[in-house]
């Protein structure tokens, strides 16, 4: 393992530790209760603050500000930094005390159900897209 890889891993571990500390803060129980109340249509102690910047993340955390070069570590760094930013602005997004690991599916053929899923793209950077249905007429069945 190179020195760069070790530094990137250390950075992600440090960010992960900060996120874990946030998840275990006493205020997190209040945030989770607030959302349970809202979702159960009960009156919460106050309205939750939920910031969802979607495309603005590119301005808040530009990709060129990330340190990691390994794609997986870079994605972890990005998501951890998002959580830390939301904590800095006192957002009420719950932070769970566990880390989700996505499953990796390696199947043959790659279109497991035998139908290719296609998208119709708008052509704009970050623009909308729509599914292109594989079954368009009764003959396709």
N, C-alpha and C. Protein backbone atom coordinates (compact mmCIF):
# COMPACT_ATOMS: atom_id res chain seq x y z
N UNK A 1 0.85 -1.18 0.00
CA UNK A 1 0.00 0.00 0.00
C UNK A 1 0.90 1.24 0.00
N UNK A 2 0.58 2.17 -0.90
CA UNK A 2 1.40 3.37 -1.00
C UNK A 2 1.09 4.35 0.13
N UNK A 3 1.95 5.32 0.28
CA UNK A 3 1.78 6.34 1.30
C UNK A 3 0.51 7.15 1.03
N UNK A 4 0.23 7.42 -0.25
CA UNK A 4 -0.98 8.17 -0.62
C UNK A 4 -2.23 7.41 -0.19
N UNK A 5 -2.27 6.10 -0.46
CA UNK A 5 -3.42 5.29 -0.07
C UNK A 5 -3.58 5.28 1.45
N UNK A 6 -2.49 5.19 2.17
CA UNK A 6 -2.56 5.22 3.63
C UNK A 6 -3.09 6.55 4.12
N UNK A 7 -2.66 7.65 3.51
CA UNK A 7 -3.14 8.98 3.90
C UNK A 7 -4.64 9.13 3.62
N UNK A 8 -5.08 8.62 2.47
CA UNK A 8 -6.50 8.70 2.12
C UNK A 8 -7.35 7.87 3.09
N UNK A 9 -6.89 6.68 3.41
CA UNK A 9 -7.61 5.84 4.38
C UNK A 9 -7.68 6.52 5.74
N UNK A 10 -6.57 7.12 6.16
CA UNK A 10 -6.53 7.80 7.45
C UNK A 10 -7.51 8.98 7.45
N UNK A 11 -7.58 9.72 6.35
CA UNK A 11 -8.51 10.84 6.26
C UNK A 11 -9.95 10.36 6.36
N UNK A 12 -10.29 9.31 5.63
CA UNK A 12 -11.66 8.79 5.66
C UNK A 12 -12.00 8.26 7.04
N UNK A 13 -11.05 7.60 7.69
CA UNK A 13 -11.28 7.12 9.06
C UNK A 13 -11.53 8.29 10.01
N UNK A 14 -10.76 9.36 9.85
CA UNK A 14 -10.92 10.54 10.71
C UNK A 14 -12.30 11.17 10.49
N UNK A 15 -12.71 11.30 9.23
CA UNK A 15 -14.04 11.84 8.93
C UNK A 15 -15.13 10.92 9.47
N UNK A 16 -14.94 9.60 9.30
CA UNK A 16 -15.90 8.63 9.81
C UNK A 16 -16.04 8.71 11.32
N UNK A 17 -14.93 8.95 12.00
CA UNK A 17 -14.96 9.08 13.46
C UNK A 17 -15.78 10.31 13.86
N UNK A 18 -15.59 11.42 13.14
CA UNK A 18 -16.37 12.63 13.43
C UNK A 18 -17.86 12.39 13.21
N UNK A 19 -18.20 11.67 12.14
CA UNK A 19 -19.61 11.36 11.86
C UNK A 19 -20.17 10.45 12.96
N UNK A 20 -19.37 9.47 13.40
CA UNK A 20 -19.81 8.58 14.48
C UNK A 20 -20.05 9.37 15.77
N UNK A 21 -19.21 10.35 16.03
CA UNK A 21 -19.41 11.19 17.22
C UNK A 21 -20.73 11.96 17.12
N UNK A 22 -21.03 12.46 15.94
CA UNK A 22 -22.31 13.16 15.72
C UNK A 22 -23.47 12.22 15.96
N UNK A 23 -23.35 10.98 15.45
CA UNK A 23 -24.43 10.00 15.60
C UNK A 23 -24.70 9.68 17.07
N UNK A 24 -23.69 9.81 17.91
CA UNK A 24 -23.85 9.47 19.33
C UNK A 24 -24.07 10.68 20.23
N UNK A 25 -24.20 11.87 19.63
CA UNK A 25 -24.49 13.06 20.43
C UNK A 25 -25.88 12.92 21.05
N UNK A 26 -26.07 13.43 22.26
CA UNK A 26 -27.39 13.37 22.89
C UNK A 26 -28.48 14.06 22.06
N UNK A 27 -28.12 15.13 21.35
CA UNK A 27 -29.12 15.86 20.56
C UNK A 27 -29.69 15.00 19.41
N UNK A 28 -28.95 13.96 19.00
CA UNK A 28 -29.41 13.13 17.89
C UNK A 28 -30.69 12.38 18.27
N UNK A 29 -30.83 12.00 19.53
CA UNK A 29 -32.06 11.33 19.97
C UNK A 29 -33.26 12.27 19.80
N UNK A 30 -33.06 13.55 20.11
CA UNK A 30 -34.12 14.53 19.91
C UNK A 30 -34.47 14.71 18.45
N UNK A 31 -33.47 14.71 17.60
CA UNK A 31 -33.70 14.84 16.16
C UNK A 31 -34.50 13.64 15.65
N UNK A 32 -34.11 12.45 16.07
CA UNK A 32 -34.82 11.25 15.62
C UNK A 32 -36.26 11.23 16.13
N UNK A 33 -36.45 11.66 17.38
CA UNK A 33 -37.80 11.73 17.91
C UNK A 33 -38.63 12.76 17.15
N UNK A 34 -38.01 13.89 16.82
CA UNK A 34 -38.70 14.93 16.05
C UNK A 34 -39.23 14.37 14.73
N UNK A 35 -38.38 13.61 14.03
CA UNK A 35 -38.81 13.04 12.75
C UNK A 35 -39.86 11.95 12.94
N UNK A 36 -39.73 11.16 14.02
CA UNK A 36 -40.77 10.15 14.29
C UNK A 36 -42.11 10.83 14.52
N UNK A 37 -42.09 11.94 15.26
CA UNK A 37 -43.33 12.69 15.51
C UNK A 37 -43.91 13.23 14.21
N UNK A 38 -43.07 13.82 13.39
CA UNK A 38 -43.55 14.38 12.12
C UNK A 38 -44.14 13.29 11.24
N UNK A 39 -43.43 12.17 11.12
CA UNK A 39 -43.90 11.09 10.25
C UNK A 39 -45.13 10.39 10.79
N UNK A 40 -45.36 10.46 12.11
CA UNK A 40 -46.55 9.86 12.71
C UNK A 40 -47.69 10.89 12.82
N UNK A 41 -47.48 12.07 12.23
CA UNK A 41 -48.47 13.15 12.25
C UNK A 41 -48.76 13.64 13.66
N UNK A 42 -47.76 13.53 14.55
CA UNK A 42 -47.86 14.12 15.88
C UNK A 42 -47.15 15.47 15.84
N UNK A 43 -47.51 16.34 16.75
CA UNK A 43 -46.86 17.64 16.81
C UNK A 43 -45.47 17.48 17.43
N UNK A 44 -44.41 17.84 16.67
CA UNK A 44 -43.06 17.74 17.23
C UNK A 44 -42.77 18.91 18.16
N UNK A 45 -41.65 18.83 18.86
CA UNK A 45 -41.25 19.93 19.75
C UNK A 45 -41.03 21.22 18.97
N UNK A 46 -40.59 21.10 17.72
CA UNK A 46 -40.47 22.22 16.79
C UNK A 46 -40.39 21.65 15.39
N UNK A 47 -40.56 22.50 14.41
CA UNK A 47 -40.46 22.03 13.03
C UNK A 47 -39.02 21.62 12.73
N UNK A 48 -38.84 20.46 12.10
CA UNK A 48 -37.47 20.05 11.76
C UNK A 48 -36.89 20.90 10.65
N UNK A 49 -35.60 21.11 10.71
CA UNK A 49 -34.88 21.84 9.66
C UNK A 49 -34.24 20.79 8.77
N UNK A 50 -34.62 20.79 7.50
CA UNK A 50 -34.09 19.79 6.57
C UNK A 50 -33.60 20.50 5.33
N UNK A 51 -32.31 20.53 5.16
CA UNK A 51 -31.68 21.17 4.01
C UNK A 51 -31.30 20.07 3.02
N UNK A 52 -31.85 20.16 1.82
CA UNK A 52 -31.54 19.18 0.77
C UNK A 52 -31.06 19.94 -0.45
N UNK A 53 -29.76 20.26 -0.51
CA UNK A 53 -29.26 21.12 -1.57
C UNK A 53 -29.14 20.49 -2.96
N UNK A 54 -29.34 19.19 -3.09
CA UNK A 54 -29.30 18.46 -4.35
C UNK A 54 -28.15 18.94 -5.24
N UNK A 55 -28.43 19.68 -6.31
CA UNK A 55 -27.38 20.11 -7.25
C UNK A 55 -26.44 21.16 -6.65
N UNK A 56 -26.84 21.79 -5.58
CA UNK A 56 -25.98 22.81 -4.95
C UNK A 56 -24.78 22.20 -4.25
N UNK A 57 -24.81 20.88 -4.04
CA UNK A 57 -23.64 20.26 -3.42
C UNK A 57 -22.39 20.51 -4.26
N UNK A 58 -22.56 20.65 -5.56
CA UNK A 58 -21.39 20.91 -6.42
C UNK A 58 -20.75 22.25 -6.08
N UNK A 59 -21.53 23.19 -5.54
CA UNK A 59 -20.98 24.47 -5.12
C UNK A 59 -20.52 24.42 -3.66
N UNK A 60 -21.26 23.70 -2.82
CA UNK A 60 -20.91 23.61 -1.40
C UNK A 60 -19.64 22.78 -1.21
N UNK A 61 -19.59 21.64 -1.89
CA UNK A 61 -18.42 20.74 -1.83
C UNK A 61 -17.96 20.43 -3.25
N UNK A 62 -17.24 21.35 -3.87
CA UNK A 62 -16.79 21.08 -5.24
C UNK A 62 -15.92 19.81 -5.29
N UNK A 63 -16.09 19.00 -6.33
CA UNK A 63 -15.32 17.75 -6.41
C UNK A 63 -13.81 17.95 -6.35
N UNK A 64 -13.32 19.09 -6.83
CA UNK A 64 -11.87 19.31 -6.81
C UNK A 64 -11.33 19.64 -5.41
N UNK A 65 -12.23 19.82 -4.43
CA UNK A 65 -11.77 20.07 -3.05
C UNK A 65 -11.57 18.77 -2.27
N UNK A 66 -12.02 17.65 -2.85
CA UNK A 66 -11.85 16.37 -2.17
C UNK A 66 -10.40 15.92 -2.25
N UNK A 67 -9.93 15.27 -1.22
CA UNK A 67 -8.54 14.85 -1.12
C UNK A 67 -8.33 13.48 -1.76
N UNK A 68 -9.25 12.57 -1.55
CA UNK A 68 -9.07 11.18 -2.00
C UNK A 68 -9.11 11.07 -3.51
N UNK A 69 -8.31 10.16 -4.03
CA UNK A 69 -8.30 9.88 -5.47
C UNK A 69 -8.93 8.52 -5.77
N UNK A 70 -8.86 7.59 -4.83
CA UNK A 70 -9.51 6.29 -5.00
C UNK A 70 -11.02 6.52 -5.07
N UNK A 71 -11.71 5.99 -6.09
CA UNK A 71 -13.14 6.28 -6.27
C UNK A 71 -14.00 5.92 -5.06
N UNK A 72 -13.76 4.78 -4.44
CA UNK A 72 -14.59 4.38 -3.30
C UNK A 72 -14.32 5.27 -2.09
N UNK A 73 -13.03 5.51 -1.80
CA UNK A 73 -12.69 6.39 -0.68
C UNK A 73 -13.20 7.81 -0.93
N UNK A 74 -13.16 8.24 -2.19
CA UNK A 74 -13.65 9.57 -2.54
C UNK A 74 -15.15 9.69 -2.28
N UNK A 75 -15.90 8.64 -2.59
CA UNK A 75 -17.34 8.67 -2.34
C UNK A 75 -17.63 8.70 -0.84
N UNK A 76 -16.83 7.98 -0.06
CA UNK A 76 -16.99 8.01 1.40
C UNK A 76 -16.65 9.39 1.94
N UNK A 77 -15.55 9.95 1.47
CA UNK A 77 -15.15 11.29 1.91
C UNK A 77 -16.26 12.29 1.61
N UNK A 78 -16.82 12.21 0.42
CA UNK A 78 -17.87 13.14 0.01
C UNK A 78 -19.11 13.02 0.90
N UNK A 79 -19.56 11.79 1.15
CA UNK A 79 -20.76 11.63 1.97
C UNK A 79 -20.50 12.03 3.41
N UNK A 80 -19.32 11.74 3.94
CA UNK A 80 -18.99 12.16 5.31
C UNK A 80 -18.92 13.69 5.40
N UNK A 81 -18.34 14.33 4.41
CA UNK A 81 -18.26 15.80 4.42
C UNK A 81 -19.65 16.43 4.30
N UNK A 82 -20.55 15.79 3.56
CA UNK A 82 -21.93 16.28 3.48
C UNK A 82 -22.57 16.25 4.86
N UNK A 83 -22.40 15.15 5.57
CA UNK A 83 -22.97 15.03 6.92
C UNK A 83 -22.38 16.09 7.84
N UNK A 84 -21.07 16.28 7.77
CA UNK A 84 -20.42 17.27 8.63
C UNK A 84 -20.90 18.69 8.29
N UNK A 85 -21.11 18.97 7.02
CA UNK A 85 -21.62 20.29 6.62
C UNK A 85 -23.03 20.50 7.16
N UNK A 86 -23.86 19.48 7.02
CA UNK A 86 -25.24 19.61 7.52
C UNK A 86 -25.24 19.80 9.04
N UNK A 87 -24.31 19.20 9.73
CA UNK A 87 -24.20 19.38 11.19
C UNK A 87 -23.78 20.82 11.49
N UNK A 88 -22.88 21.37 10.68
CA UNK A 88 -22.41 22.74 10.89
C UNK A 88 -23.53 23.76 10.74
N UNK A 89 -24.52 23.48 9.90
CA UNK A 89 -25.63 24.42 9.71
C UNK A 89 -26.84 24.05 10.57
N UNK A 90 -26.65 23.11 11.51
CA UNK A 90 -27.70 22.65 12.42
C UNK A 90 -28.91 22.06 11.71
N UNK A 91 -28.65 21.32 10.65
CA UNK A 91 -29.69 20.59 9.94
C UNK A 91 -30.17 19.45 10.83
N UNK A 92 -31.44 19.09 10.71
CA UNK A 92 -32.02 18.02 11.53
C UNK A 92 -32.05 16.67 10.82
N UNK A 93 -31.14 16.44 9.90
CA UNK A 93 -31.08 15.13 9.26
C UNK A 93 -30.51 14.12 10.26
N UNK A 94 -31.24 13.03 10.51
CA UNK A 94 -30.71 12.03 11.46
C UNK A 94 -29.42 11.39 10.95
N UNK A 95 -28.51 11.16 11.85
CA UNK A 95 -27.27 10.46 11.53
C UNK A 95 -27.31 9.16 12.31
N UNK A 96 -27.36 8.06 11.60
CA UNK A 96 -27.48 6.75 12.22
C UNK A 96 -26.14 6.31 12.82
N UNK A 97 -26.17 5.51 13.88
CA UNK A 97 -24.92 5.06 14.51
C UNK A 97 -24.35 3.82 13.83
N UNK A 98 -24.66 3.61 12.59
CA UNK A 98 -24.09 2.50 11.84
C UNK A 98 -23.80 2.97 10.43
N UNK A 99 -23.04 2.18 9.71
CA UNK A 99 -22.60 2.53 8.36
C UNK A 99 -23.15 1.51 7.39
N UNK A 100 -23.89 1.97 6.41
CA UNK A 100 -24.46 1.06 5.42
C UNK A 100 -23.42 0.71 4.36
N UNK A 101 -23.38 -0.55 4.01
CA UNK A 101 -22.51 -1.02 2.95
C UNK A 101 -23.40 -1.61 1.87
N UNK A 102 -23.34 -1.05 0.69
CA UNK A 102 -24.18 -1.51 -0.41
C UNK A 102 -23.72 -2.87 -0.92
N UNK A 103 -24.67 -3.67 -1.35
CA UNK A 103 -24.35 -4.97 -1.94
C UNK A 103 -23.83 -4.77 -3.36
N UNK A 104 -22.96 -5.65 -3.78
CA UNK A 104 -22.44 -5.61 -5.15
C UNK A 104 -22.98 -6.84 -5.86
N UNK A 105 -23.66 -6.61 -6.96
CA UNK A 105 -24.23 -7.70 -7.73
C UNK A 105 -23.39 -7.93 -8.98
N UNK A 106 -22.85 -9.11 -9.11
CA UNK A 106 -22.07 -9.48 -10.28
C UNK A 106 -22.78 -10.67 -10.91
N UNK A 107 -23.68 -10.40 -11.83
CA UNK A 107 -24.49 -11.46 -12.43
C UNK A 107 -24.27 -11.51 -13.93
N UNK A 108 -24.49 -12.66 -14.49
CA UNK A 108 -24.42 -12.85 -15.94
C UNK A 108 -25.78 -13.32 -16.42
N UNK A 109 -26.38 -12.75 -17.38
CA UNK A 109 -25.97 -11.50 -18.04
C UNK A 109 -26.23 -10.32 -17.12
N UNK A 110 -25.65 -9.17 -17.47
CA UNK A 110 -25.78 -7.99 -16.60
C UNK A 110 -27.23 -7.52 -16.51
N UNK A 111 -28.01 -7.78 -17.54
CA UNK A 111 -29.44 -7.46 -17.48
C UNK A 111 -30.18 -8.72 -17.04
N UNK A 112 -30.16 -8.95 -15.75
CA UNK A 112 -30.63 -10.18 -15.11
C UNK A 112 -31.99 -10.63 -15.61
N UNK A 113 -32.88 -9.68 -15.89
CA UNK A 113 -34.24 -10.03 -16.31
C UNK A 113 -34.35 -10.15 -17.82
N UNK A 114 -33.25 -9.95 -18.55
CA UNK A 114 -33.27 -10.13 -20.00
C UNK A 114 -33.75 -8.93 -20.78
N UNK A 115 -33.99 -7.82 -20.10
CA UNK A 115 -34.46 -6.61 -20.78
C UNK A 115 -33.48 -5.49 -20.45
N UNK A 116 -32.94 -4.86 -21.47
CA UNK A 116 -32.03 -3.75 -21.24
C UNK A 116 -32.82 -2.52 -20.80
N UNK A 117 -32.34 -1.87 -19.77
CA UNK A 117 -32.95 -0.64 -19.28
C UNK A 117 -32.21 0.51 -19.93
N UNK A 118 -32.93 1.33 -20.66
CA UNK A 118 -32.30 2.47 -21.34
C UNK A 118 -32.89 3.76 -20.78
N UNK A 119 -32.11 4.82 -20.93
CA UNK A 119 -32.54 6.14 -20.49
C UNK A 119 -32.52 7.10 -21.67
N UNK A 120 -33.46 8.01 -21.65
CA UNK A 120 -33.48 9.11 -22.61
C UNK A 120 -32.95 10.32 -21.87
N UNK A 121 -31.77 10.83 -22.28
CA UNK A 121 -31.12 11.94 -21.58
C UNK A 121 -31.48 13.27 -22.21
N UNK A 122 -31.49 14.32 -21.40
CA UNK A 122 -31.83 15.66 -21.88
C UNK A 122 -30.68 16.30 -22.64
N UNK A 123 -29.46 15.85 -22.39
CA UNK A 123 -28.30 16.45 -23.05
C UNK A 123 -27.68 17.58 -22.25
N UNK A 124 -28.35 18.02 -21.19
CA UNK A 124 -27.83 19.07 -20.32
C UNK A 124 -26.98 18.45 -19.22
N UNK A 125 -25.90 19.11 -18.85
CA UNK A 125 -25.08 18.64 -17.75
C UNK A 125 -25.91 18.69 -16.47
N UNK A 126 -26.12 17.53 -15.85
CA UNK A 126 -26.95 17.47 -14.64
C UNK A 126 -28.43 17.57 -14.94
N UNK A 127 -28.80 17.46 -16.20
CA UNK A 127 -30.21 17.60 -16.59
C UNK A 127 -31.03 16.36 -16.30
N UNK A 128 -32.28 16.44 -16.61
CA UNK A 128 -33.23 15.37 -16.34
C UNK A 128 -33.03 14.21 -17.32
N UNK A 129 -33.61 13.08 -16.98
CA UNK A 129 -33.64 11.92 -17.86
C UNK A 129 -34.95 11.19 -17.61
N UNK A 130 -35.30 10.32 -18.53
CA UNK A 130 -36.51 9.53 -18.39
C UNK A 130 -36.21 8.10 -18.84
N UNK A 131 -36.91 7.15 -18.24
CA UNK A 131 -36.76 5.78 -18.69
C UNK A 131 -37.31 5.65 -20.09
N UNK A 132 -36.61 4.86 -20.88
CA UNK A 132 -37.11 4.53 -22.21
C UNK A 132 -37.65 3.11 -22.09
N UNK A 133 -38.97 2.97 -22.06
CA UNK A 133 -39.54 1.63 -21.80
C UNK A 133 -39.19 0.64 -22.91
N UNK A 134 -38.80 -0.57 -22.53
CA UNK A 134 -38.48 -1.58 -23.55
C UNK A 134 -39.72 -2.13 -24.25
N UNK A 135 -40.86 -2.06 -23.59
CA UNK A 135 -42.11 -2.53 -24.17
C UNK A 135 -42.94 -1.31 -24.57
N UNK A 136 -43.01 -1.06 -25.89
CA UNK A 136 -43.69 0.15 -26.36
C UNK A 136 -45.00 -0.15 -27.08
N UNK A 137 -45.13 -1.37 -27.53
CA UNK A 137 -46.38 -1.75 -28.22
C UNK A 137 -46.71 -3.20 -27.86
N UNK A 138 -47.90 -3.64 -28.22
CA UNK A 138 -48.32 -4.99 -27.87
C UNK A 138 -47.43 -6.04 -28.58
N UNK A 139 -46.83 -5.69 -29.70
CA UNK A 139 -45.95 -6.63 -30.40
C UNK A 139 -44.67 -6.91 -29.62
N UNK A 140 -44.27 -5.96 -28.77
CA UNK A 140 -43.06 -6.13 -27.97
C UNK A 140 -43.23 -7.21 -26.90
N UNK A 141 -44.48 -7.54 -26.55
CA UNK A 141 -44.71 -8.55 -25.54
C UNK A 141 -44.41 -9.91 -26.10
